[in-house]
């Protein structure tokens, strides 16, 4: 019976693992702003955008293309000191004009810094099934603020569910968007992972009553299987050579008298 060393077994496992493709920078110049409450300015390099308004209505900046089976990553920073404490975040499965569409159906991931009325601090994922405005009430008592009515909260983050973001602090995010599962990581820690049936549509950034937010260094890649251990592509490239080297070493050892 042929014997294998632990190193050979490890390399074989590496070859059978998920290879993490290199991410590609995203050009935001073709993205579209929705909602009257936003001022989105693409920054130098075209992979970052700054939202400058503190508005009483939600706003979205989206890529206008189906984005399922993609992993999107980057950084998010609120560049202020105690000026406000409201919502930042993302949308998935969003279609042009959905922010005022009574038939909308997409996913909202929002993160509030501080409690205010029914608007709770922390990171949450919700399903939106209608127009976010106009829907009655002031901005602090409507569906997007309260997570009620057309906004149905699905889950709160494992660690950040009741913890707000901090001023002038950069957070790394990674979102995996699949037809049957969504995963959200912050600073390389999985915070949200939900299963279901999710419609295809755009990836986008979301703001509600929060100014001075920078979404930066946006990259995308093919989404790995959720729960798989990602292996850098470079390691995969070197694995066959390593196996070959071990084969030669084994042959040389067997020929020694």
C-alpha atoms as a PDB file:
ATOM      1  CA  UNK A   1       0.000   0.000   0.000  1.00  0.00           C
ATOM      2  CA  UNK A   2       1.376   3.403  -0.991  1.00  0.00           C
ATOM      3  CA  UNK A   3       2.246   5.645   1.922  1.00  0.00           C
ATOM      4  CA  UNK A   4       1.862   9.427   2.005  1.00  0.00           C
ATOM      5  CA  UNK A   5       3.606  11.934   4.199  1.00  0.00           C
ATOM      6  CA  UNK A   6       1.672  14.524   6.174  1.00  0.00           C
ATOM      7  CA  UNK A   7       3.085  17.201   3.867  1.00  0.00           C
ATOM      8  CA  UNK A   8       1.769  15.390   0.784  1.00  0.00           C
ATOM      9  CA  UNK A   9      -1.652  15.035   2.379  1.00  0.00           C
ATOM     10  CA  UNK A  10      -1.642  18.730   3.280  1.00  0.00           C
ATOM     11  CA  UNK A  11      -0.804  19.771  -0.266  1.00  0.00           C
ATOM     12  CA  UNK A  12      -3.520  17.489  -1.640  1.00  0.00           C
ATOM     13  CA  UNK A  13      -6.012  19.148   0.691  1.00  0.00           C
ATOM     14  CA  UNK A  14      -4.829  22.528  -0.536  1.00  0.00           C
ATOM     15  CA  UNK A  15      -5.468  21.476  -4.136  1.00  0.00           C
ATOM     16  CA  UNK A  16      -9.006  20.415  -3.249  1.00  0.00           C
ATOM     17  CA  UNK A  17      -9.766  23.610  -1.306  1.00  0.00           C
ATOM     18  CA  UNK A  18     -11.420  26.739  -2.580  1.00  0.00           C
ATOM     19  CA  UNK A  19      -9.043  29.030  -4.459  1.00  0.00           C
ATOM     20  CA  UNK A  20      -9.593  32.701  -3.712  1.00  0.00           C
ATOM     21  CA  UNK A  21      -9.411  34.639  -6.970  1.00  0.00           C
ATOM     22  CA  UNK A  22      -7.609  37.952  -6.943  1.00  0.00           C
ATOM     23  CA  UNK A  23     -10.033  40.864  -6.359  1.00  0.00           C
ATOM     24  CA  UNK A  24     -10.552  43.465  -9.084  1.00  0.00           C
ATOM     25  CA  UNK A  25     -10.896  47.227  -8.358  1.00  0.00           C
ATOM     26  CA  UNK A  26     -14.384  48.538  -9.141  1.00  0.00           C
ATOM     27  CA  UNK A  27     -14.792  51.659 -11.288  1.00  0.00           C
ATOM     28  CA  UNK A  28     -17.615  53.657  -9.662  1.00  0.00           C
ATOM     29  CA  UNK A  29     -17.960  56.247 -12.440  1.00  0.00           C
ATOM     30  CA  UNK A  30     -20.798  54.267 -14.054  1.00  0.00           C
ATOM     31  CA  UNK A  31     -22.808  53.870 -10.847  1.00  0.00           C
ATOM     32  CA  UNK A  32     -26.148  55.657 -10.316  1.00  0.00           C
ATOM     33  CA  UNK A  33     -27.530  57.686  -7.400  1.00  0.00           C
ATOM     34  CA  UNK A  34     -31.174  57.237  -6.348  1.00  0.00           C
ATOM     35  CA  UNK A  35     -33.131  59.365  -3.895  1.00  0.00           C
ATOM     36  CA  UNK A  36     -33.252  63.120  -3.435  1.00  0.00           C
ATOM     37  CA  UNK A  37     -31.346  62.979  -0.144  1.00  0.00           C
ATOM     38  CA  UNK A  38     -27.884  62.137  -1.402  1.00  0.00           C
ATOM     39  CA  UNK A  39     -24.853  63.854  -2.882  1.00  0.00           C
ATOM     40  CA  UNK A  40     -22.437  61.172  -4.111  1.00  0.00           C
ATOM     41  CA  UNK A  41     -19.027  62.233  -5.434  1.00  0.00           C
ATOM     42  CA  UNK A  42     -16.657  59.681  -6.955  1.00  0.00           C
ATOM     43  CA  UNK A  43     -13.107  60.278  -5.720  1.00  0.00           C
ATOM     44  CA  UNK A  44      -9.759  60.182  -7.527  1.00  0.00           C
ATOM     45  CA  UNK A  45      -8.926  56.640  -8.569  1.00  0.00           C
ATOM     46  CA  UNK A  46     -12.629  55.923  -9.245  1.00  0.00           C
ATOM     47  CA  UNK A  47     -12.865  53.154  -6.620  1.00  0.00           C
ATOM     48  CA  UNK A  48     -14.156  55.417  -3.811  1.00  0.00           C
ATOM     49  CA  UNK A  49     -17.222  57.617  -3.320  1.00  0.00           C
ATOM     50  CA  UNK A  50     -18.100  60.286  -0.736  1.00  0.00           C
ATOM     51  CA  UNK A  51     -21.674  60.982   0.420  1.00  0.00           C
ATOM     52  CA  UNK A  52     -21.803  64.489   1.920  1.00  0.00           C
ATOM     53  CA  UNK A  53     -25.438  65.242   2.868  1.00  0.00           C
ATOM     54  CA  UNK A  54     -27.340  64.784   6.110  1.00  0.00           C
ATOM     55  CA  UNK A  55     -30.789  64.284   4.633  1.00  0.00           C
ATOM     56  CA  UNK A  56     -34.198  63.313   5.999  1.00  0.00           C
ATOM     57  CA  UNK A  57     -34.689  60.764   3.191  1.00  0.00           C
ATOM     58  CA  UNK A  58     -32.721  57.616   2.310  1.00  0.00           C
ATOM     59  CA  UNK A  59     -30.343  57.522  -0.641  1.00  0.00           C
ATOM     60  CA  UNK A  60     -28.670  54.724  -2.627  1.00  0.00           C
ATOM     61  CA  UNK A  61     -25.652  54.632  -4.965  1.00  0.00           C
ATOM     62  CA  UNK A  62     -25.736  51.399  -6.991  1.00  0.00           C
ATOM     63  CA  UNK A  63     -23.906  49.607  -9.797  1.00  0.00           C
ATOM     64  CA  UNK A  64     -26.933  48.993 -12.038  1.00  0.00           C
ATOM     65  CA  UNK A  65     -26.132  45.361 -12.775  1.00  0.00           C
ATOM     66  CA  UNK A  66     -26.929  41.917 -11.443  1.00  0.00           C
ATOM     67  CA  UNK A  67     -24.398  41.156  -8.735  1.00  0.00           C
ATOM     68  CA  UNK A  68     -25.252  37.723  -7.392  1.00  0.00           C
ATOM     69  CA  UNK A  69     -22.328  35.307  -7.080  1.00  0.00           C
ATOM     70  CA  UNK A  70     -19.960  38.197  -6.387  1.00  0.00           C
ATOM     71  CA  UNK A  71     -17.982  39.064  -3.281  1.00  0.00           C
ATOM     72  CA  UNK A  72     -17.579  42.796  -2.783  1.00  0.00           C
ATOM     73  CA  UNK A  73     -15.153  44.365  -0.343  1.00  0.00           C
ATOM     74  CA  UNK A  74     -13.679  47.691   0.693  1.00  0.00           C
ATOM     75  CA  UNK A  75     -13.617  50.192   3.547  1.00  0.00           C
ATOM     76  CA  UNK A  76     -16.187  52.526   5.062  1.00  0.00           C
ATOM     77  CA  UNK A  77     -15.428  55.596   7.213  1.00  0.00           C
ATOM     78  CA  UNK A  78     -17.630  58.318   8.711  1.00  0.00           C
ATOM     79  CA  UNK A  79     -15.389  61.379   8.648  1.00  0.00           C
ATOM     80  CA  UNK A  80     -16.702  63.486  11.530  1.00  0.00           C
ATOM     81  CA  UNK A  81     -16.514  63.901  15.279  1.00  0.00           C
ATOM     82  CA  UNK A  82     -19.844  63.751  17.072  1.00  0.00           C
ATOM     83  CA  UNK A  83     -21.813  65.488  14.348  1.00  0.00           C
ATOM     84  CA  UNK A  84     -24.439  62.790  13.804  1.00  0.00           C
ATOM     85  CA  UNK A  85     -25.225  59.157  14.636  1.00  0.00           C
ATOM     86  CA  UNK A  86     -27.411  57.707  11.900  1.00  0.00           C
ATOM     87  CA  UNK A  87     -27.452  55.063   9.150  1.00  0.00           C
ATOM     88  CA  UNK A  88     -24.768  53.842   6.757  1.00  0.00           C
ATOM     89  CA  UNK A  89     -24.764  50.578   4.841  1.00  0.00           C
ATOM     90  CA  UNK A  90     -25.523  48.630   1.686  1.00  0.00           C
ATOM     91  CA  UNK A  91     -28.266  47.242  -0.548  1.00  0.00           C
ATOM     92  CA  UNK A  92     -28.278  43.921  -2.421  1.00  0.00           C
ATOM     93  CA  UNK A  93     -30.628  42.832  -5.189  1.00  0.00           C
ATOM     94  CA  UNK A  94     -31.619  46.459  -5.748  1.00  0.00           C
ATOM     95  CA  UNK A  95     -33.065  47.704  -9.061  1.00  0.00           C
ATOM     96  CA  UNK A  96     -33.067  51.232 -10.491  1.00  0.00           C
ATOM     97  CA  UNK A  97     -35.739  53.377  -8.819  1.00  0.00           C
ATOM     98  CA  UNK A  98     -36.533  50.841  -6.075  1.00  0.00           C
ATOM     99  CA  UNK A  99     -36.191  53.473  -3.368  1.00  0.00           C
ATOM    100  CA  UNK A 100     -39.585  54.882  -4.445  1.00  0.00           C
ATOM    101  CA  UNK A 101     -40.994  51.682  -5.980  1.00  0.00           C
ATOM    102  CA  UNK A 102     -44.074  50.275  -4.262  1.00  0.00           C
ATOM    103  CA  UNK A 103     -43.208  46.844  -5.717  1.00  0.00           C
ATOM    104  CA  UNK A 104     -39.550  46.841  -4.665  1.00  0.00           C
ATOM    105  CA  UNK A 105     -38.021  43.692  -3.184  1.00  0.00           C
ATOM    106  CA  UNK A 106     -34.382  43.816  -2.074  1.00  0.00           C
ATOM    107  CA  UNK A 107     -32.047  43.445   0.907  1.00  0.00           C
ATOM    108  CA  UNK A 108     -30.973  46.345   3.124  1.00  0.00           C
ATOM    109  CA  UNK A 109     -27.933  46.137   5.396  1.00  0.00           C
ATOM    110  CA  UNK A 110     -27.786  49.197   7.649  1.00  0.00           C
ATOM    111  CA  UNK A 111     -25.653  50.247  10.611  1.00  0.00           C
ATOM    112  CA  UNK A 112     -26.682  52.996  13.031  1.00  0.00           C
ATOM    113  CA  UNK A 113     -24.324  54.650  15.469  1.00  0.00           C
ATOM    114  CA  UNK A 114     -26.736  55.579  18.276  1.00  0.00           C
ATOM    115  CA  UNK A 115     -30.258  54.895  19.530  1.00  0.00           C
ATOM    116  CA  UNK A 116     -32.803  57.518  18.536  1.00  0.00           C
ATOM    117  CA  UNK A 117     -36.490  56.848  18.998  1.00  0.00           C
ATOM    118  CA  UNK A 118     -37.286  53.467  17.419  1.00  0.00           C
ATOM    119  CA  UNK A 119     -34.044  53.615  15.432  1.00  0.00           C
ATOM    120  CA  UNK A 120     -31.664  51.305  17.267  1.00  0.00           C
ATOM    121  CA  UNK A 121     -27.884  51.333  17.193  1.00  0.00           C
ATOM    122  CA  UNK A 122     -26.104  48.401  15.616  1.00  0.00           C
ATOM    123  CA  UNK A 123     -25.787  46.447  12.374  1.00  0.00           C
ATOM    124  CA  UNK A 124     -28.829  44.671  10.923  1.00  0.00           C
ATOM    125  CA  UNK A 125     -30.074  43.015   7.744  1.00  0.00           C
ATOM    126  CA  UNK A 126     -33.628  43.585   6.529  1.00  0.00           C
ATOM    127  CA  UNK A 127     -35.896  42.867   3.578  1.00  0.00           C
ATOM    128  CA  UNK A 128     -37.483  45.865   1.833  1.00  0.00           C
ATOM    129  CA  UNK A 129     -40.793  45.224   0.051  1.00  0.00           C
ATOM    130  CA  UNK A 130     -41.932  48.681  -0.974  1.00  0.00           C
ATOM    131  CA  UNK A 131     -41.026  52.354  -1.258  1.00  0.00           C
ATOM    132  CA  UNK A 132     -38.844  53.768   1.519  1.00  0.00           C
ATOM    133  CA  UNK A 133     -40.390  57.192   0.940  1.00  0.00           C
ATOM    134  CA  UNK A 134     -42.796  58.870   0.840  1.00  0.00           C
ATOM    135  CA  UNK A 135     -44.424  56.626   3.416  1.00  0.00           C
ATOM    136  CA  UNK A 136     -45.671  59.043   6.047  1.00  0.00           C
ATOM    137  CA  UNK A 137     -44.197  60.310   9.276  1.00  0.00           C
ATOM    138  CA  UNK A 138     -41.028  62.261   9.876  1.00  0.00           C
ATOM    139  CA  UNK A 139     -37.684  60.736   8.998  1.00  0.00           C
ATOM    140  CA  UNK A 140     -37.355  59.500  12.593  1.00  0.00           C
ATOM    141  CA  UNK A 141     -40.697  57.686  12.493  1.00  0.00           C
ATOM    142  CA  UNK A 142     -40.861  56.079   9.075  1.00  0.00           C
ATOM    143  CA  UNK A 143     -40.298  52.495   7.964  1.00  0.00           C
ATOM    144  CA  UNK A 144     -36.592  52.824   7.098  1.00  0.00           C
ATOM    145  CA  UNK A 145     -35.864  54.368  10.492  1.00  0.00           C
ATOM    146  CA  UNK A 146     -38.017  52.013  12.573  1.00  0.00           C
ATOM    147  CA  UNK A 147     -37.486  48.776  10.620  1.00  0.00           C
ATOM    148  CA  UNK A 148     -41.215  48.360  10.328  1.00  0.00           C
ATOM    149  CA  UNK A 149     -43.873  48.395   7.589  1.00  0.00           C
ATOM    150  CA  UNK A 150     -42.106  47.740   4.265  1.00  0.00           C
ATOM    151  CA  UNK A 151     -38.809  47.085   6.115  1.00  0.00           C
ATOM    152  CA  UNK A 152     -38.746  43.676   7.817  1.00  0.00           C
ATOM    153  CA  UNK A 153     -35.681  43.057   9.954  1.00  0.00           C
ATOM    154  CA  UNK A 154     -34.294  39.551   9.376  1.00  0.00           C
ATOM    155  CA  UNK A 155     -31.361  39.462  11.786  1.00  0.00           C
ATOM    156  CA  UNK A 156     -28.944  41.553  13.799  1.00  0.00           C
ATOM    157  CA  UNK A 157     -25.184  41.106  13.700  1.00  0.00           C
ATOM    158  CA  UNK A 158     -23.574  38.550  16.001  1.00  0.00           C
ATOM    159  CA  UNK A 159     -21.153  41.035  17.598  1.00  0.00           C
ATOM    160  CA  UNK A 160     -22.277  44.451  16.310  1.00  0.00           C
ATOM    161  CA  UNK A 161     -26.038  43.968  16.629  1.00  0.00           C
ATOM    162  CA  UNK A 162     -26.265  46.628  19.331  1.00  0.00           C
ATOM    163  CA  UNK A 163     -22.931  48.368  18.756  1.00  0.00           C
ATOM    164  CA  UNK A 164     -22.726  51.489  16.636  1.00  0.00           C
ATOM    165  CA  UNK A 165     -19.938  52.545  14.307  1.00  0.00           C
ATOM    166  CA  UNK A 166     -17.320  54.999  15.592  1.00  0.00           C
ATOM    167  CA  UNK A 167     -16.410  58.407  14.178  1.00  0.00           C
ATOM    168  CA  UNK A 168     -13.258  58.625  12.056  1.00  0.00           C
ATOM    169  CA  UNK A 169     -12.773  54.871  12.191  1.00  0.00           C
ATOM    170  CA  UNK A 170     -12.224  52.814   9.054  1.00  0.00           C
ATOM    171  CA  UNK A 171     -14.009  49.469   8.870  1.00  0.00           C
ATOM    172  CA  UNK A 172     -13.166  46.737   6.373  1.00  0.00           C
ATOM    173  CA  UNK A 173     -16.215  45.036   4.927  1.00  0.00           C
ATOM    174  CA  UNK A 174     -16.782  41.978   2.764  1.00  0.00           C
ATOM    175  CA  UNK A 175     -20.158  40.932   1.366  1.00  0.00           C
ATOM    176  CA  UNK A 176     -20.963  37.634  -0.359  1.00  0.00           C
ATOM    177  CA  UNK A 177     -24.207  37.729  -2.347  1.00  0.00           C
ATOM    178  CA  UNK A 178     -25.742  34.470  -3.550  1.00  0.00           C
ATOM    179  CA  UNK A 179     -29.241  33.442  -4.620  1.00  0.00           C
ATOM    180  CA  UNK A 180     -29.666  31.376  -1.447  1.00  0.00           C
ATOM    181  CA  UNK A 181     -27.329  32.980   1.085  1.00  0.00           C
ATOM    182  CA  UNK A 182     -25.849  36.328   2.104  1.00  0.00           C
ATOM    183  CA  UNK A 183     -22.816  36.823   4.302  1.00  0.00           C
ATOM    184  CA  UNK A 184     -21.485  40.094   5.756  1.00  0.00           C
ATOM    185  CA  UNK A 185     -18.103  40.424   7.441  1.00  0.00           C
ATOM    186  CA  UNK A 186     -16.682  43.464   9.249  1.00  0.00           C
ATOM    187  CA  UNK A 187     -12.954  43.593   9.935  1.00  0.00           C
ATOM    188  CA  UNK A 188     -12.668  39.952   8.791  1.00  0.00           C
ATOM    189  CA  UNK A 189     -15.252  38.733  11.312  1.00  0.00           C
ATOM    190  CA  UNK A 190     -18.499  37.229  10.001  1.00  0.00           C
ATOM    191  CA  UNK A 191     -21.321  39.303  11.478  1.00  0.00           C
ATOM    192  CA  UNK A 192     -24.331  38.213   9.409  1.00  0.00           C
ATOM    193  CA  UNK A 193     -24.988  34.991   7.515  1.00  0.00           C
ATOM    194  CA  UNK A 194     -28.546  34.244   6.435  1.00  0.00           C
ATOM    195  CA  UNK A 195     -30.094  31.671   4.108  1.00  0.00           C
ATOM    196  CA  UNK A 196     -33.170  32.241   1.952  1.00  0.00           C
ATOM    197  CA  UNK A 197     -34.268  33.023  -1.585  1.00  0.00           C
ATOM    198  CA  UNK A 198     -32.906  36.359  -2.760  1.00  0.00           C
ATOM    199  CA  UNK A 199     -33.673  38.125  -6.030  1.00  0.00           C
ATOM    200  CA  UNK A 200     -30.839  39.217  -8.285  1.00  0.00           C
ATOM    201  CA  UNK A 201     -30.017  42.885  -8.759  1.00  0.00           C
ATOM    202  CA  UNK A 202     -27.518  45.600  -7.967  1.00  0.00           C
ATOM    203  CA  UNK A 203     -25.043  46.021  -5.173  1.00  0.00           C
ATOM    204  CA  UNK A 204     -25.074  49.543  -3.738  1.00  0.00           C
ATOM    205  CA  UNK A 205     -24.253  51.843  -0.843  1.00  0.00           C
ATOM    206  CA  UNK A 206     -26.970  53.198   1.464  1.00  0.00           C
ATOM    207  CA  UNK A 207     -27.198  56.351   3.539  1.00  0.00           C
ATOM    208  CA  UNK A 208     -29.984  57.745   5.680  1.00  0.00           C
ATOM    209  CA  UNK A 209     -29.590  60.993   7.620  1.00  0.00           C
ATOM    210  CA  UNK A 210     -25.808  60.618   7.786  1.00  0.00           C
ATOM    211  CA  UNK A 211     -23.278  62.930   6.134  1.00  0.00           C
ATOM    212  CA  UNK A 212     -19.545  62.662   5.447  1.00  0.00           C
ATOM    213  CA  UNK A 213     -19.319  58.956   4.644  1.00  0.00           C
ATOM    214  CA  UNK A 214     -16.503  57.569   2.480  1.00  0.00           C
ATOM    215  CA  UNK A 215     -16.803  54.167   0.800  1.00  0.00           C
ATOM    216  CA  UNK A 216     -13.282  53.408  -0.419  1.00  0.00           C
ATOM    217  CA  UNK A 217     -11.094  50.826  -2.154  1.00  0.00           C
ATOM    218  CA  UNK A 218     -14.053  48.928  -3.576  1.00  0.00           C
ATOM    219  CA  UNK A 219     -13.127  45.549  -5.095  1.00  0.00           C
ATOM    220  CA  UNK A 220     -15.016  42.539  -6.385  1.00  0.00           C
ATOM    221  CA  UNK A 221     -14.310  38.889  -7.136  1.00  0.00           C
ATOM    222  CA  UNK A 222     -16.243  35.697  -7.783  1.00  0.00           C
ATOM    223  CA  UNK A 223     -17.902  34.629  -4.573  1.00  0.00           C
ATOM    224  CA  UNK A 224     -16.401  31.554  -2.896  1.00  0.00           C
ATOM    225  CA  UNK A 225     -18.707  28.923  -1.384  1.00  0.00           C
ATOM    226  CA  UNK A 226     -19.891  30.350   1.911  1.00  0.00           C
ATOM    227  CA  UNK A 227     -18.150  28.547   4.757  1.00  0.00           C
ATOM    228  CA  UNK A 228     -15.236  27.364   2.601  1.00  0.00           C
ATOM    229  CA  UNK A 229     -11.685  28.116   3.662  1.00  0.00           C
ATOM    230  CA  UNK A 230     -10.250  30.439   1.004  1.00  0.00           C
ATOM    231  CA  UNK A 231      -6.823  29.548  -0.363  1.00  0.00           C
ATOM    232  CA  UNK A 232      -4.821  32.298  -2.106  1.00  0.00           C
ATOM    233  CA  UNK A 233      -4.413  31.638  -5.815  1.00  0.00           C
ATOM    234  CA  UNK A 234      -0.613  31.937  -5.513  1.00  0.00           C
ATOM    235  CA  UNK A 235      -0.495  29.001  -3.110  1.00  0.00           C
ATOM    236  CA  UNK A 236      -2.519  26.920  -5.542  1.00  0.00           C
ATOM    237  CA  UNK A 237      -0.054  27.729  -8.352  1.00  0.00           C
ATOM    238  CA  UNK A 238       2.916  26.491  -6.330  1.00  0.00           C
ATOM    239  CA  UNK A 239       1.231  23.302  -5.093  1.00  0.00           C
ATOM    240  CA  UNK A 240       1.833  21.113  -8.233  1.00  0.00           C
ATOM    241  CA  UNK A 241       5.526  22.083  -8.236  1.00  0.00           C
ATOM    242  CA  UNK A 242       5.753  21.181  -4.568  1.00  0.00           C
ATOM    243  CA  UNK A 243       4.194  17.780  -5.194  1.00  0.00           C
ATOM    244  CA  UNK A 244       6.627  17.199  -8.069  1.00  0.00           C
ATOM    245  CA  UNK A 245       9.568  18.094  -5.872  1.00  0.00           C
ATOM    246  CA  UNK A 246       8.401  15.666  -3.199  1.00  0.00           C
ATOM    247  CA  UNK A 247       8.054  12.922  -5.844  1.00  0.00           C
ATOM    248  CA  UNK A 248      11.636  13.434  -7.022  1.00  0.00           C
ATOM    249  CA  UNK A 249      12.861  13.472  -3.430  1.00  0.00           C
ATOM    250  CA  UNK A 250      11.022  10.211  -2.714  1.00  0.00           C
ATOM    251  CA  UNK A 251      12.478   8.590  -5.881  1.00  0.00           C
ATOM    252  CA  UNK A 252      16.019   9.685  -4.987  1.00  0.00           C
ATOM    253  CA  UNK A 253      15.611   8.290  -1.480  1.00  0.00           C
ATOM    254  CA  UNK A 254      14.453   4.909  -2.812  1.00  0.00           C
ATOM    255  CA  UNK A 255      17.509   4.601  -5.118  1.00  0.00           C
ATOM    256  CA  UNK A 256      20.063   5.056  -2.324  1.00  0.00           C
ATOM    257  CA  UNK A 257      21.792   1.760  -1.465  1.00  0.00           C
END
